[in-house]
Amino acid sequence: GLFNELFMGYVEVKEAYKKKYGSTLKNSWIAHVKSDHGKTTRRSPSRKGDYKFPCPANVKPKLEKILKELKII
């Protein structure tokens, strides 16, 4: 289902990022960058207002590169 597709995407992104850059991502950073690109379908019910853990500026360009390589954005 939808949840599985979304979740699988996150697992792939995290694995690809770790392999390439050697560090671990937070799910909220992925959600934040996807949202910036208009790619989130809904807001997490647990999120009030802005992202609690926005994607750090030093991570964002690398994460965008991975998301583009995986055709997510």
N, C-alpha and C. Protein backbone atom coordinates (compact mmCIF):
# COMPACT_ATOMS: atom_id res chain seq x y z
N GLY A 1 0.82 -1.22 0.00
CA GLY A 1 0.00 0.00 0.00
C GLY A 1 0.85 1.25 0.00
N LEU A 2 0.17 2.36 0.13
CA LEU A 2 0.84 3.66 0.08
C LEU A 2 1.91 3.80 1.15
N PHE A 3 1.58 3.41 2.36
CA PHE A 3 2.55 3.54 3.45
C PHE A 3 3.83 2.79 3.10
N ASN A 4 3.66 1.58 2.59
CA ASN A 4 4.82 0.77 2.25
C ASN A 4 5.69 1.43 1.18
N GLU A 5 5.04 1.99 0.16
CA GLU A 5 5.79 2.68 -0.89
C GLU A 5 6.58 3.85 -0.32
N LEU A 6 5.92 4.64 0.51
CA LEU A 6 6.59 5.80 1.10
C LEU A 6 7.74 5.34 1.98
N PHE A 7 7.47 4.34 2.82
CA PHE A 7 8.48 3.88 3.76
C PHE A 7 9.66 3.26 3.02
N MET A 8 9.40 2.44 2.01
CA MET A 8 10.49 1.82 1.24
C MET A 8 11.38 2.89 0.64
N GLY A 9 10.77 3.92 0.13
CA GLY A 9 11.55 5.02 -0.44
C GLY A 9 12.53 5.58 0.57
N TYR A 10 12.08 5.73 1.81
CA TYR A 10 12.94 6.30 2.85
C TYR A 10 14.10 5.37 3.15
N VAL A 11 13.81 4.06 3.22
CA VAL A 11 14.87 3.09 3.49
C VAL A 11 15.93 3.15 2.38
N GLU A 12 15.47 3.18 1.13
CA GLU A 12 16.41 3.26 0.00
C GLU A 12 17.25 4.53 0.06
N VAL A 13 16.60 5.64 0.34
CA VAL A 13 17.30 6.93 0.40
C VAL A 13 18.37 6.88 1.49
N LYS A 14 17.99 6.38 2.66
CA LYS A 14 18.93 6.32 3.78
C LYS A 14 20.12 5.42 3.45
N GLU A 15 19.84 4.29 2.80
CA GLU A 15 20.93 3.37 2.46
C GLU A 15 21.86 3.99 1.42
N ALA A 16 21.27 4.62 0.41
CA ALA A 16 22.08 5.24 -0.65
C ALA A 16 22.92 6.37 -0.07
N TYR A 17 22.34 7.15 0.81
CA TYR A 17 23.05 8.29 1.41
C TYR A 17 24.21 7.80 2.27
N LYS A 18 23.93 6.77 3.06
CA LYS A 18 24.96 6.23 3.95
C LYS A 18 26.13 5.66 3.15
N LYS A 19 25.78 4.95 2.06
CA LYS A 19 26.81 4.35 1.22
C LYS A 19 27.69 5.44 0.60
N LYS A 20 27.06 6.52 0.14
CA LYS A 20 27.80 7.56 -0.57
C LYS A 20 28.52 8.54 0.36
N TYR A 21 27.86 8.91 1.46
CA TYR A 21 28.41 9.96 2.32
C TYR A 21 28.81 9.48 3.71
N GLY A 22 28.50 8.21 4.02
CA GLY A 22 28.92 7.65 5.30
C GLY A 22 28.22 8.18 6.53
N SER A 23 27.09 8.87 6.34
CA SER A 23 26.37 9.32 7.52
C SER A 23 24.88 9.01 7.39
N THR A 24 24.19 9.11 8.50
CA THR A 24 22.80 8.68 8.58
C THR A 24 21.85 9.86 8.50
N LEU A 25 20.75 9.66 7.81
CA LEU A 25 19.73 10.70 7.67
C LEU A 25 18.61 10.50 8.66
N LYS A 26 17.92 11.57 8.99
CA LYS A 26 16.67 11.47 9.75
C LYS A 26 15.52 11.44 8.74
N ASN A 27 14.46 10.67 9.04
CA ASN A 27 13.29 10.64 8.15
C ASN A 27 12.75 12.05 7.93
N SER A 28 12.77 12.87 8.98
CA SER A 28 12.19 14.21 8.84
C SER A 28 12.99 15.07 7.86
N TRP A 29 14.29 14.82 7.73
CA TRP A 29 15.08 15.59 6.75
C TRP A 29 14.63 15.22 5.34
N ILE A 30 14.40 13.93 5.11
CA ILE A 30 13.93 13.47 3.80
C ILE A 30 12.57 14.10 3.51
N ALA A 31 11.69 14.05 4.51
CA ALA A 31 10.35 14.63 4.35
C ALA A 31 10.43 16.12 4.05
N HIS A 32 11.32 16.81 4.73
CA HIS A 32 11.48 18.25 4.55
C HIS A 32 11.91 18.58 3.12
N VAL A 33 12.93 17.88 2.63
CA VAL A 33 13.43 18.14 1.27
C VAL A 33 12.38 17.75 0.23
N LYS A 34 11.70 16.62 0.44
CA LYS A 34 10.64 16.22 -0.49
C LYS A 34 9.54 17.28 -0.52
N SER A 35 9.21 17.80 0.64
CA SER A 35 8.17 18.83 0.75
C SER A 35 8.59 20.10 0.00
N ASP A 36 9.87 20.48 0.12
CA ASP A 36 10.37 21.65 -0.60
C ASP A 36 10.21 21.49 -2.11
N HIS A 37 10.21 20.25 -2.56
CA HIS A 37 10.06 19.96 -3.99
C HIS A 37 8.63 19.58 -4.34
N GLY A 38 7.71 19.81 -3.42
CA GLY A 38 6.29 19.53 -3.66
C GLY A 38 5.97 18.05 -3.76
N LYS A 39 6.78 17.21 -3.12
CA LYS A 39 6.61 15.76 -3.29
C LYS A 39 6.00 15.06 -2.09
N THR A 40 5.53 15.79 -1.09
CA THR A 40 4.88 15.06 0.00
C THR A 40 3.38 15.14 -0.24
N THR A 41 2.71 14.04 0.00
CA THR A 41 1.29 13.99 -0.31
C THR A 41 0.45 14.46 0.86
N ARG A 42 0.98 14.29 2.07
CA ARG A 42 0.21 14.72 3.23
C ARG A 42 1.18 15.03 4.35
N ARG A 43 0.64 15.65 5.38
CA ARG A 43 1.46 16.02 6.51
C ARG A 43 1.35 14.93 7.57
N SER A 44 2.44 14.64 8.21
CA SER A 44 2.41 13.66 9.30
C SER A 44 1.47 14.15 10.39
N PRO A 45 0.58 13.29 10.87
CA PRO A 45 -0.35 13.73 11.92
C PRO A 45 0.38 14.18 13.18
N SER A 46 1.60 13.71 13.36
CA SER A 46 2.35 14.08 14.56
C SER A 46 3.04 15.44 14.43
N ARG A 47 3.01 16.02 13.23
CA ARG A 47 3.74 17.26 13.02
C ARG A 47 2.83 18.47 13.17
N LYS A 48 3.25 19.39 14.03
CA LYS A 48 2.50 20.63 14.21
C LYS A 48 3.36 21.77 13.65
N GLY A 49 2.87 22.43 12.62
CA GLY A 49 3.63 23.56 12.08
C GLY A 49 4.87 23.14 11.32
N ASP A 50 5.95 23.86 11.52
CA ASP A 50 7.18 23.59 10.78
C ASP A 50 7.81 22.27 11.21
N TYR A 51 8.76 21.80 10.42
CA TYR A 51 9.46 20.58 10.77
C TYR A 51 10.24 20.78 12.05
N LYS A 52 10.12 19.83 12.95
CA LYS A 52 10.85 19.90 14.22
C LYS A 52 12.34 19.72 13.95
N PHE A 53 12.67 18.86 13.01
CA PHE A 53 14.08 18.64 12.67
C PHE A 53 14.26 18.96 11.19
N PRO A 54 14.31 20.26 10.83
CA PRO A 54 14.50 20.58 9.41
C PRO A 54 15.87 20.07 8.93
N CYS A 55 15.95 19.84 7.65
CA CYS A 55 17.19 19.31 7.08
C CYS A 55 18.30 20.34 7.21
N PRO A 56 19.45 19.97 7.79
CA PRO A 56 20.56 20.92 7.91
C PRO A 56 21.07 21.36 6.54
N ALA A 57 21.52 22.61 6.47
CA ALA A 57 21.97 23.20 5.20
C ALA A 57 23.11 22.39 4.56
N ASN A 58 23.97 21.79 5.38
CA ASN A 58 25.10 21.04 4.81
C ASN A 58 24.67 19.68 4.26
N VAL A 59 23.50 19.20 4.68
CA VAL A 59 23.01 17.89 4.23
C VAL A 59 22.14 18.04 2.99
N LYS A 60 21.38 19.15 2.92
CA LYS A 60 20.36 19.31 1.90
C LYS A 60 20.83 19.08 0.46
N PRO A 61 21.92 19.71 0.00
CA PRO A 61 22.33 19.47 -1.41
C PRO A 61 22.69 18.02 -1.70
N LYS A 62 23.31 17.35 -0.73
CA LYS A 62 23.69 15.94 -0.92
C LYS A 62 22.44 15.07 -0.95
N LEU A 63 21.49 15.38 -0.06
CA LEU A 63 20.24 14.63 -0.01
C LEU A 63 19.45 14.84 -1.31
N GLU A 64 19.44 16.07 -1.81
CA GLU A 64 18.74 16.35 -3.08
C GLU A 64 19.35 15.54 -4.21
N LYS A 65 20.67 15.44 -4.21
CA LYS A 65 21.36 14.66 -5.25
C LYS A 65 20.91 13.19 -5.22
N ILE A 66 20.86 12.61 -4.02
CA ILE A 66 20.41 11.23 -3.86
C ILE A 66 18.95 11.08 -4.31
N LEU A 67 18.09 12.01 -3.88
CA LEU A 67 16.67 11.93 -4.25
C LEU A 67 16.50 12.03 -5.77
N LYS A 68 17.34 12.84 -6.41
CA LYS A 68 17.28 12.95 -7.89
C LYS A 68 17.76 11.66 -8.54
N GLU A 69 18.85 11.10 -8.00
CA GLU A 69 19.38 9.84 -8.55
C GLU A 69 18.33 8.73 -8.43
N LEU A 70 17.56 8.74 -7.36
CA LEU A 70 16.55 7.70 -7.15
C LEU A 70 15.21 8.07 -7.80
N LYS A 71 15.21 9.18 -8.53
CA LYS A 71 14.00 9.65 -9.25
C LYS A 71 12.82 9.93 -8.30
N ILE A 72 13.16 10.39 -7.10
CA ILE A 72 12.11 10.70 -6.13
C ILE A 72 11.69 12.16 -6.28
N ILE A 73 12.67 13.00 -6.63
CA ILE A 73 12.34 14.40 -6.93
C ILE A 73 12.83 14.74 -8.34
